[in-house]
Amino acid sequence: MSLTLRIGLIVLSLIFIVYVFNNVNKRKLQLQFSLIWLLIALA
């Protein structure tokens, strides 16, 4: 896997994690579902 692709995937994962945390804080996403999404983002 190229370095550019790795960096791109890391950036997208971080953006997704921030998105999940923001939705949990706004109560748009329940905590139980957010844990699943965070595990998917970290995988």
C-alpha atoms as a PDB file:
ATOM      1  CA  MET A   1       0.000   0.000   0.000  1.00  0.00           C
ATOM      2  CA  SER A   2       1.434   3.359  -0.955  1.00  0.00           C
ATOM      3  CA  LEU A   3       2.241   6.044   1.577  1.00  0.00           C
ATOM      4  CA  THR A   4      -0.258   8.460   0.026  1.00  0.00           C
ATOM      5  CA  LEU A   5      -3.070   5.935   0.351  1.00  0.00           C
ATOM      6  CA  ARG A   6      -2.173   5.204   3.978  1.00  0.00           C
ATOM      7  CA  ILE A   7      -2.170   8.896   4.876  1.00  0.00           C
ATOM      8  CA  GLY A   8      -5.490   9.394   3.103  1.00  0.00           C
ATOM      9  CA  LEU A   9      -7.094   6.504   4.973  1.00  0.00           C
ATOM     10  CA  ILE A  10      -5.784   7.769   8.314  1.00  0.00           C
ATOM     11  CA  VAL A  11      -7.168  11.245   7.626  1.00  0.00           C
ATOM     12  CA  LEU A  12     -10.565   9.830   6.637  1.00  0.00           C
ATOM     13  CA  SER A  13     -10.652   7.687   9.779  1.00  0.00           C
ATOM     14  CA  LEU A  14      -9.870  10.678  11.978  1.00  0.00           C
ATOM     15  CA  ILE A  15     -12.574  12.762  10.291  1.00  0.00           C
ATOM     16  CA  PHE A  16     -15.059   9.939  10.818  1.00  0.00           C
ATOM     17  CA  ILE A  17     -14.113   9.634  14.512  1.00  0.00           C
ATOM     18  CA  VAL A  18     -14.614  13.379  15.023  1.00  0.00           C
ATOM     19  CA  TYR A  19     -17.988  13.137  13.243  1.00  0.00           C
ATOM     20  CA  VAL A  20     -19.124  10.319  15.553  1.00  0.00           C
ATOM     21  CA  PHE A  21     -18.023  12.209  18.687  1.00  0.00           C
ATOM     22  CA  ASN A  22     -19.857  15.348  17.544  1.00  0.00           C
ATOM     23  CA  ASN A  23     -23.057  13.420  16.922  1.00  0.00           C
ATOM     24  CA  VAL A  24     -22.830  11.756  20.336  1.00  0.00           C
ATOM     25  CA  ASN A  25     -22.396  15.154  21.985  1.00  0.00           C
ATOM     26  CA  LYS A  26     -25.410  16.536  20.101  1.00  0.00           C
ATOM     27  CA  ARG A  27     -27.429  13.461  21.145  1.00  0.00           C
ATOM     28  CA  LYS A  28     -28.050  12.551  17.507  1.00  0.00           C
ATOM     29  CA  LEU A  29     -26.318   9.208  17.945  1.00  0.00           C
ATOM     30  CA  GLN A  30     -26.809   6.868  20.880  1.00  0.00           C
ATOM     31  CA  LEU A  31     -23.712   5.861  22.778  1.00  0.00           C
ATOM     32  CA  GLN A  32     -24.205   2.135  22.148  1.00  0.00           C
ATOM     33  CA  PHE A  33     -24.146   2.663  18.378  1.00  0.00           C
ATOM     34  CA  SER A  34     -21.246   5.105  18.544  1.00  0.00           C
ATOM     35  CA  LEU A  35     -19.002   2.425  20.062  1.00  0.00           C
ATOM     36  CA  ILE A  36     -19.681   0.190  17.068  1.00  0.00           C
ATOM     37  CA  TRP A  37     -18.890   3.013  14.635  1.00  0.00           C
ATOM     38  CA  LEU A  38     -15.684   3.886  16.486  1.00  0.00           C
ATOM     39  CA  LEU A  39     -14.515   0.278  16.346  1.00  0.00           C
ATOM     40  CA  ILE A  40     -15.211   0.240  12.614  1.00  0.00           C
ATOM     41  CA  ALA A  41     -13.245   3.476  12.158  1.00  0.00           C
ATOM     42  CA  LEU A  42     -10.280   2.109  14.096  1.00  0.00           C
ATOM     43  CA  ALA A  43     -10.231  -1.193  12.222  1.00  0.00           C
END
